[in-house]
Structure formats: C-alpha cells, structure tokens
C-alpha cells in the first residue's frame, strides 16, 4: 500500500512539500514517507472541521451516510 503524499482537506487533495519518514519499529529501516501538514494546512483542516459541525445534514442523514461508509470499509477490509 502506498503512503499518502498529499493531504485530504475539505474534500480535496493538497500537495505539501513537507514529508516525514515512516520507520520500521524493529529494523529502523525507512518504509515510506508521508505528507506532513504545516501551519496553513492545519488552519485549513480546522476551518473545514469547524464548518462541518454546522453542516445542514441532520443526525439521521449523517447516521445513514456513516453506516454506508462503514459497510463499504468492512466489505473491502482485505484490500484496505
């Protein structure tokens, strides 16, 4: 599985030049690199999360959507 090289914020993928190595706990080998959020990306993510809290989707609709997402994740668990 490839690691994320960009950040998913507010429904879009954002490139970032900052990376962090993923290190194997026992061997110390670098397995991959992942994207790291800087101040601008953190601000954007916090803003998106704040706006999501006031989204017009009600609890029942949110439950329906999250239940469907959970079912899809379970169906594809081996691939994920």
PDB file of N, CA and C in Angstrom:
ATOM      1  N   UNK A   1       0.853  -1.169   0.000  1.00  0.00           N
ATOM      2  CA  UNK A   1       0.000   0.000   0.000  1.00  0.00           C
ATOM      3  C   UNK A   1       0.901   1.234   0.000  1.00  0.00           C
ATOM      4  N   UNK A   2       0.602   2.166  -0.873  1.00  0.00           N
ATOM      5  CA  UNK A   2       1.382   3.403  -0.949  1.00  0.00           C
ATOM      6  C   UNK A   2       0.920   4.381   0.121  1.00  0.00           C
ATOM      7  N   UNK A   3       1.858   5.086   0.693  1.00  0.00           N
ATOM      8  CA  UNK A   3       1.542   6.079   1.715  1.00  0.00           C
ATOM      9  C   UNK A   3       1.058   7.360   1.053  1.00  0.00           C
ATOM     10  N   UNK A   4       0.354   8.174   1.821  1.00  0.00           N
ATOM     11  CA  UNK A   4      -0.182   9.436   1.314  1.00  0.00           C
ATOM     12  C   UNK A   4       0.936  10.436   1.089  1.00  0.00           C
ATOM     13  N   UNK A   5       0.987  10.992  -0.110  1.00  0.00           N
ATOM     14  CA  UNK A   5       1.991  12.009  -0.440  1.00  0.00           C
ATOM     15  C   UNK A   5       1.365  13.403  -0.437  1.00  0.00           C
ATOM     16  N   UNK A   6       0.061  13.454  -0.197  1.00  0.00           N
ATOM     17  CA  UNK A   6      -0.639  14.728  -0.087  1.00  0.00           C
ATOM     18  C   UNK A   6      -1.686  14.593   1.009  1.00  0.00           C
ATOM     19  N   UNK A   7      -2.314  15.691   1.351  1.00  0.00           N
ATOM     20  CA  UNK A   7      -3.261  15.727   2.469  1.00  0.00           C
ATOM     21  C   UNK A   7      -4.683  15.912   1.943  1.00  0.00           C
ATOM     22  N   UNK A   8      -5.630  15.194   2.507  1.00  0.00           N
ATOM     23  CA  UNK A   8      -7.031  15.326   2.119  1.00  0.00           C
ATOM     24  C   UNK A   8      -7.698  16.272   3.105  1.00  0.00           C
ATOM     25  N   UNK A   9      -7.961  17.494   2.635  1.00  0.00           N
ATOM     26  CA  UNK A   9      -8.532  18.535   3.488  1.00  0.00           C
ATOM     27  C   UNK A   9      -9.738  19.142   2.786  1.00  0.00           C
ATOM     28  N   UNK A  10     -10.854  19.148   3.456  1.00  0.00           N
ATOM     29  CA  UNK A  10     -12.080  19.775   2.949  1.00  0.00           C
ATOM     30  C   UNK A  10     -12.474  19.238   1.580  1.00  0.00           C
ATOM     31  N   UNK A  11     -12.339  17.935   1.404  1.00  0.00           N
ATOM     32  CA  UNK A  11     -12.792  17.300   0.176  1.00  0.00           C
ATOM     33  C   UNK A  11     -11.834  17.357  -1.000  1.00  0.00           C
ATOM     34  N   UNK A  12     -10.639  17.875  -0.787  1.00  0.00           N
ATOM     35  CA  UNK A  12      -9.673  17.938  -1.886  1.00  0.00           C
ATOM     36  C   UNK A  12      -8.296  17.477  -1.402  1.00  0.00           C
ATOM     37  N   UNK A  13      -7.500  16.974  -2.335  1.00  0.00           N
ATOM     38  CA  UNK A  13      -6.130  16.581  -2.033  1.00  0.00           C
ATOM     39  C   UNK A  13      -5.239  17.793  -2.183  1.00  0.00           C
ATOM     40  N   UNK A  14      -4.408  18.034  -1.199  1.00  0.00           N
ATOM     41  CA  UNK A  14      -3.487  19.178  -1.209  1.00  0.00           C
ATOM     42  C   UNK A  14      -2.053  18.675  -1.130  1.00  0.00           C
ATOM     43  N   UNK A  15      -1.247  19.145  -2.070  1.00  0.00           N
ATOM     44  CA  UNK A  15       0.168  18.785  -2.057  1.00  0.00           C
ATOM     45  C   UNK A  15       0.889  19.574  -0.984  1.00  0.00           C
ATOM     46  N   UNK A  16       1.879  18.958  -0.420  1.00  0.00           N
ATOM     47  CA  UNK A  16       2.726  19.618   0.559  1.00  0.00           C
ATOM     48  C   UNK A  16       4.155  19.143   0.340  1.00  0.00           C
ATOM     49  N   UNK A  17       5.090  20.030   0.511  1.00  0.00           N
ATOM     50  CA  UNK A  17       6.496  19.649   0.308  1.00  0.00           C
ATOM     51  C   UNK A  17       7.082  19.002   1.555  1.00  0.00           C
ATOM     52  N   UNK A  18       6.398  19.110   2.669  1.00  0.00           N
ATOM     53  CA  UNK A  18       6.906  18.543   3.917  1.00  0.00           C
ATOM     54  C   UNK A  18       6.581  17.051   3.979  1.00  0.00           C
ATOM     55  N   UNK A  19       7.581  16.253   4.322  1.00  0.00           N
ATOM     56  CA  UNK A  19       7.413  14.807   4.426  1.00  0.00           C
ATOM     57  C   UNK A  19       7.998  14.314   5.748  1.00  0.00           C
ATOM     58  N   UNK A  20       7.504  13.167   6.175  1.00  0.00           N
ATOM     59  CA  UNK A  20       8.025  12.526   7.375  1.00  0.00           C
ATOM     60  C   UNK A  20       8.251  11.053   7.046  1.00  0.00           C
ATOM     61  N   UNK A  21       9.382  10.529   7.446  1.00  0.00           N
ATOM     62  CA  UNK A  21       9.695   9.125   7.193  1.00  0.00           C
ATOM     63  C   UNK A  21       8.868   8.224   8.104  1.00  0.00           C
ATOM     64  N   UNK A  22       8.449   7.099   7.564  1.00  0.00           N
ATOM     65  CA  UNK A  22       7.801   6.048   8.347  1.00  0.00           C
ATOM     66  C   UNK A  22       8.875   4.992   8.588  1.00  0.00           C
ATOM     67  N   UNK A  23       9.226   4.823   9.842  1.00  0.00           N
ATOM     68  CA  UNK A  23      10.339   3.957  10.225  1.00  0.00           C
ATOM     69  C   UNK A  23       9.830   2.634  10.793  1.00  0.00           C
ATOM     70  N   UNK A  24      10.412   1.523  10.339  1.00  0.00           N
ATOM     71  CA  UNK A  24      10.083   0.205  10.882  1.00  0.00           C
ATOM     72  C   UNK A  24      10.566   0.155  12.331  1.00  0.00           C
ATOM     73  N   UNK A  25       9.675  -0.203  13.215  1.00  0.00           N
ATOM     74  CA  UNK A  25       9.956  -0.153  14.651  1.00  0.00           C
ATOM     75  C   UNK A  25      11.135  -1.034  15.081  1.00  0.00           C
ATOM     76  N   UNK A  26      11.300  -2.166  14.441  1.00  0.00           N
ATOM     77  CA  UNK A  26      12.325  -3.103  14.888  1.00  0.00           C
ATOM     78  C   UNK A  26      13.622  -3.017  14.091  1.00  0.00           C
ATOM     79  N   UNK A  27      13.520  -2.751  12.782  1.00  0.00           N
ATOM     80  CA  UNK A  27      14.732  -2.733  11.960  1.00  0.00           C
ATOM     81  C   UNK A  27      15.316  -1.343  11.795  1.00  0.00           C
ATOM     82  N   UNK A  28      14.490  -0.318  12.017  1.00  0.00           N
ATOM     83  CA  UNK A  28      14.949   1.046  11.808  1.00  0.00           C
ATOM     84  C   UNK A  28      14.959   1.456  10.346  1.00  0.00           C
ATOM     85  N   UNK A  29      14.540   0.573   9.465  1.00  0.00           N
ATOM     86  CA  UNK A  29      14.510   0.867   8.029  1.00  0.00           C
ATOM     87  C   UNK A  29      13.399   1.854   7.709  1.00  0.00           C
ATOM     88  N   UNK A  30      13.658   2.731   6.759  1.00  0.00           N
ATOM     89  CA  UNK A  30      12.625   3.652   6.290  1.00  0.00           C
ATOM     90  C   UNK A  30      11.699   2.891   5.357  1.00  0.00           C
ATOM     91  N   UNK A  31      10.413   2.844   5.688  1.00  0.00           N
ATOM     92  CA  UNK A  31       9.434   2.123   4.889  1.00  0.00           C
ATOM     93  C   UNK A  31       8.847   2.997   3.787  1.00  0.00           C
ATOM     94  N   UNK A  32       8.600   4.255   4.102  1.00  0.00           N
ATOM     95  CA  UNK A  32       7.995   5.178   3.153  1.00  0.00           C
ATOM     96  C   UNK A  32       8.044   6.568   3.757  1.00  0.00           C
ATOM     97  N   UNK A  33       7.477   7.505   3.052  1.00  0.00           N
ATOM     98  CA  UNK A  33       7.317   8.862   3.559  1.00  0.00           C
ATOM     99  C   UNK A  33       5.858   9.259   3.432  1.00  0.00           C
ATOM    100  N   UNK A  34       5.394  10.060   4.371  1.00  0.00           N
ATOM    101  CA  UNK A  34       4.017  10.550   4.348  1.00  0.00           C
ATOM    102  C   UNK A  34       4.026  12.070   4.387  1.00  0.00           C
ATOM    103  N   UNK A  35       2.945  12.643   3.921  1.00  0.00           N
ATOM    104  CA  UNK A  35       2.805  14.099   3.925  1.00  0.00           C
ATOM    105  C   UNK A  35       2.656  14.610   5.350  1.00  0.00           C
ATOM    106  N   UNK A  36       3.205  15.796   5.594  1.00  0.00           N
ATOM    107  CA  UNK A  36       3.110  16.446   6.903  1.00  0.00           C
ATOM    108  C   UNK A  36       2.423  17.794   6.715  1.00  0.00           C
ATOM    109  N   UNK A  37       1.479  18.087   7.568  1.00  0.00           N
ATOM    110  CA  UNK A  37       0.756  19.355   7.496  1.00  0.00           C
ATOM    111  C   UNK A  37       1.562  20.464   8.156  1.00  0.00           C
ATOM    112  N   UNK A  38       1.663  21.585   7.459  1.00  0.00           N
ATOM    113  CA  UNK A  38       2.258  22.779   8.028  1.00  0.00           C
ATOM    114  C   UNK A  38       1.158  23.664   8.598  1.00  0.00           C
ATOM    115  N   UNK A  39       1.500  24.839   9.072  1.00  0.00           N
ATOM    116  CA  UNK A  39       0.500  25.727   9.679  1.00  0.00           C
ATOM    117  C   UNK A  39      -0.686  26.043   8.757  1.00  0.00           C
ATOM    118  N   UNK A  40      -0.438  26.278   7.476  1.00  0.00           N
ATOM    119  CA  UNK A  40      -1.535  26.610   6.557  1.00  0.00           C
ATOM    120  C   UNK A  40      -2.486  25.430   6.389  1.00  0.00           C
ATOM    121  N   UNK A  41      -1.938  24.214   6.299  1.00  0.00           N
ATOM    122  CA  UNK A  41      -2.785  23.028   6.145  1.00  0.00           C
ATOM    123  C   UNK A  41      -3.561  22.745   7.422  1.00  0.00           C
ATOM    124  N   UNK A  42      -2.933  22.949   8.571  1.00  0.00           N
ATOM    125  CA  UNK A  42      -3.636  22.745   9.843  1.00  0.00           C
ATOM    126  C   UNK A  42      -4.782  23.744   9.964  1.00  0.00           C
ATOM    127  N   UNK A  43      -4.530  24.998   9.636  1.00  0.00           N
ATOM    128  CA  UNK A  43      -5.593  26.011   9.694  1.00  0.00           C
ATOM    129  C   UNK A  43      -6.749  25.642   8.779  1.00  0.00           C
ATOM    130  N   UNK A  44      -6.430  25.186   7.564  1.00  0.00           N
ATOM    131  CA  UNK A  44      -7.477  24.804   6.609  1.00  0.00           C
ATOM    132  C   UNK A  44      -8.274  23.608   7.125  1.00  0.00           C
ATOM    133  N   UNK A  45      -7.595  22.632   7.729  1.00  0.00           N
ATOM    134  CA  UNK A  45      -8.278  21.456   8.255  1.00  0.00           C
ATOM    135  C   UNK A  45      -9.179  21.813   9.439  1.00  0.00           C
ATOM    136  N   UNK A  46      -8.693  22.674  10.304  1.00  0.00           N
ATOM    137  CA  UNK A  46      -9.502  23.110  11.462  1.00  0.00           C
ATOM    138  C   UNK A  46     -10.718  23.884  10.981  1.00  0.00           C
ATOM    139  N   UNK A  47     -10.531  24.758  10.005  1.00  0.00           N
ATOM    140  CA  UNK A  47     -11.650  25.522   9.445  1.00  0.00           C
ATOM    141  C   UNK A  47     -12.690  24.587   8.825  1.00  0.00           C
ATOM    142  N   UNK A  48     -12.222  23.598   8.057  1.00  0.00           N
ATOM    143  CA  UNK A  48     -13.142  22.648   7.429  1.00  0.00           C
ATOM    144  C   UNK A  48     -13.894  21.844   8.485  1.00  0.00           C
ATOM    145  N   UNK A  49     -13.192  21.425   9.531  1.00  0.00           N
ATOM    146  CA  UNK A  49     -13.851  20.666  10.602  1.00  0.00           C
ATOM    147  C   UNK A  49     -14.882  21.517  11.325  1.00  0.00           C
ATOM    148  N   UNK A  50     -14.548  22.776  11.540  1.00  0.00           N
ATOM    149  CA  UNK A  50     -15.475  23.691  12.202  1.00  0.00           C
ATOM    150  C   UNK A  50     -16.732  23.881  11.368  1.00  0.00           C
ATOM    151  N   UNK A  51     -16.547  24.067  10.067  1.00  0.00           N
ATOM    152  CA  UNK A  51     -17.697  24.240   9.181  1.00  0.00           C
ATOM    153  C   UNK A  51     -18.535  22.970   9.100  1.00  0.00           C
ATOM    154  N   UNK A  52     -17.888  21.816   9.186  1.00  0.00           N
ATOM    155  CA  UNK A  52     -18.612  20.547   9.124  1.00  0.00           C
ATOM    156  C   UNK A  52     -19.547  20.387  10.322  1.00  0.00           C
ATOM    157  N   UNK A  53     -19.183  20.976  11.454  1.00  0.00           N
ATOM    158  CA  UNK A  53     -20.019  20.879  12.649  1.00  0.00           C
ATOM    159  C   UNK A  53     -21.353  21.594  12.483  1.00  0.00           C
ATOM    160  N   UNK A  54     -21.384  22.565  11.594  1.00  0.00           N
ATOM    161  CA  UNK A  54     -22.626  23.319  11.374  1.00  0.00           C
ATOM    162  C   UNK A  54     -23.271  22.962  10.042  1.00  0.00           C
ATOM    163  N   UNK A  55     -22.886  21.820   9.480  1.00  0.00           N
ATOM    164  CA  UNK A  55     -23.440  21.377   8.194  1.00  0.00           C
ATOM    165  C   UNK A  55     -24.930  21.126   8.358  1.00  0.00           C
ATOM    166  N   UNK A  56     -25.712  21.432   7.323  1.00  0.00           N
ATOM    167  CA  UNK A  56     -27.163  21.262   7.442  1.00  0.00           C
ATOM    168  C   UNK A  56     -27.628  19.807   7.505  1.00  0.00           C
ATOM    169  N   UNK A  57     -26.741  18.847   7.255  1.00  0.00           N
ATOM    170  CA  UNK A  57     -27.131  17.443   7.331  1.00  0.00           C
ATOM    171  C   UNK A  57     -27.476  17.104   8.771  1.00  0.00           C
ATOM    172  N   UNK A  58     -28.625  16.584   8.970  1.00  0.00           N
ATOM    173  CA  UNK A  58     -29.071  16.240  10.322  1.00  0.00           C
ATOM    174  C   UNK A  58     -28.490  14.927  10.803  1.00  0.00           C
ATOM    175  N   UNK A  59     -28.724  14.610  12.071  1.00  0.00           N
ATOM    176  CA  UNK A  59     -28.168  13.393  12.662  1.00  0.00           C
ATOM    177  C   UNK A  59     -28.617  12.106  11.955  1.00  0.00           C
ATOM    178  N   UNK A  60     -29.862  12.031  11.552  1.00  0.00           N
ATOM    179  CA  UNK A  60     -30.357  10.811  10.902  1.00  0.00           C
ATOM    180  C   UNK A  60     -29.666  10.596   9.555  1.00  0.00           C
ATOM    181  N   UNK A  61     -29.517  11.650   8.787  1.00  0.00           N
ATOM    182  CA  UNK A  61     -28.847  11.550   7.490  1.00  0.00           C
ATOM    183  C   UNK A  61     -27.355  11.228   7.684  1.00  0.00           C
ATOM    184  N   UNK A  62     -26.722  11.861   8.656  1.00  0.00           N
ATOM    185  CA  UNK A  62     -25.310  11.597   8.943  1.00  0.00           C
ATOM    186  C   UNK A  62     -25.142  10.121   9.355  1.00  0.00           C
ATOM    187  N   UNK A  63     -26.064   9.595  10.158  1.00  0.00           N
ATOM    188  CA  UNK A  63     -26.027   8.192  10.554  1.00  0.00           C
ATOM    189  C   UNK A  63     -26.130   7.293   9.330  1.00  0.00           C
ATOM    190  N   UNK A  64     -27.033   7.604   8.422  1.00  0.00           N
ATOM    191  CA  UNK A  64     -27.207   6.801   7.211  1.00  0.00           C
ATOM    192  C   UNK A  64     -25.920   6.790   6.390  1.00  0.00           C
ATOM    193  N   UNK A  65     -25.314   7.950   6.199  1.00  0.00           N
ATOM    194  CA  UNK A  65     -24.091   8.051   5.393  1.00  0.00           C
ATOM    195  C   UNK A  65     -22.944   7.298   6.067  1.00  0.00           C
ATOM    196  N   UNK A  66     -22.750   7.515   7.366  1.00  0.00           N
ATOM    197  CA  UNK A  66     -21.644   6.850   8.057  1.00  0.00           C
ATOM    198  C   UNK A  66     -21.831   5.339   8.130  1.00  0.00           C
ATOM    199  N   UNK A  67     -23.068   4.887   8.249  1.00  0.00           N
ATOM    200  CA  UNK A  67     -23.338   3.455   8.239  1.00  0.00           C
ATOM    201  C   UNK A  67     -22.985   2.860   6.881  1.00  0.00           C
ATOM    202  N   UNK A  68     -23.309   3.562   5.807  1.00  0.00           N
ATOM    203  CA  UNK A  68     -22.964   3.095   4.461  1.00  0.00           C
ATOM    204  C   UNK A  68     -21.447   3.069   4.255  1.00  0.00           C
ATOM    205  N   UNK A  69     -20.761   4.083   4.753  1.00  0.00           N
ATOM    206  CA  UNK A  69     -19.294   4.119   4.643  1.00  0.00           C
ATOM    207  C   UNK A  69     -18.694   2.960   5.427  1.00  0.00           C
ATOM    208  N   UNK A  70     -19.177   2.724   6.626  1.00  0.00           N
ATOM    209  CA  UNK A  70     -18.658   1.631   7.454  1.00  0.00           C
ATOM    210  C   UNK A  70     -18.873   0.285   6.758  1.00  0.00           C
ATOM    211  N   UNK A  71     -20.028   0.096   6.142  1.00  0.00           N
ATOM    212  CA  UNK A  71     -20.298  -1.157   5.422  1.00  0.00           C
ATOM    213  C   UNK A  71     -19.335  -1.328   4.249  1.00  0.00           C
ATOM    214  N   UNK A  72     -19.073  -0.238   3.532  1.00  0.00           N
ATOM    215  CA  UNK A  72     -18.141  -0.306   2.401  1.00  0.00           C
ATOM    216  C   UNK A  72     -16.724  -0.626   2.873  1.00  0.00           C
ATOM    217  N   UNK A  73     -16.320  -0.070   3.988  1.00  0.00           N
ATOM    218  CA  UNK A  73     -14.981  -0.341   4.541  1.00  0.00           C
ATOM    219  C   UNK A  73     -14.890  -1.813   4.948  1.00  0.00           C
ATOM    220  N   UNK A  74     -15.918  -2.320   5.598  1.00  0.00           N
ATOM    221  CA  UNK A  74     -15.909  -3.732   6.010  1.00  0.00           C
ATOM    222  C   UNK A  74     -15.832  -4.653   4.794  1.00  0.00           C
ATOM    223  N   UNK A  75     -16.580  -4.337   3.724  1.00  0.00           N
ATOM    224  CA  UNK A  75     -16.571  -5.154   2.512  1.00  0.00           C
ATOM    225  C   UNK A  75     -15.194  -5.186   1.861  1.00  0.00           C
ATOM    226  N   UNK A  76     -14.441  -4.116   1.988  1.00  0.00           N
ATOM    227  CA  UNK A  76     -13.144  -4.031   1.324  1.00  0.00           C
ATOM    228  C   UNK A  76     -11.978  -4.078   2.317  1.00  0.00           C
ATOM    229  N   UNK A  77     -12.226  -4.601   3.497  1.00  0.00           N
ATOM    230  CA  UNK A  77     -11.224  -4.611   4.563  1.00  0.00           C
ATOM    231  C   UNK A  77      -9.931  -5.299   4.135  1.00  0.00           C
ATOM    232  N   UNK A  78     -10.029  -6.398   3.408  1.00  0.00           N
ATOM    233  CA  UNK A  78      -8.816  -7.115   2.999  1.00  0.00           C
ATOM    234  C   UNK A  78      -7.967  -6.264   2.063  1.00  0.00           C
ATOM    235  N   UNK A  79      -8.597  -5.504   1.191  1.00  0.00           N
ATOM    236  CA  UNK A  79      -7.870  -4.642   0.263  1.00  0.00           C
ATOM    237  C   UNK A  79      -7.291  -3.411   0.962  1.00  0.00           C
ATOM    238  N   UNK A  80      -8.003  -2.946   1.974  1.00  0.00           N
ATOM    239  CA  UNK A  80      -7.545  -1.758   2.683  1.00  0.00           C
ATOM    240  C   UNK A  80      -6.417  -2.122   3.618  1.00  0.00           C
TER     241      UNK A  80
END
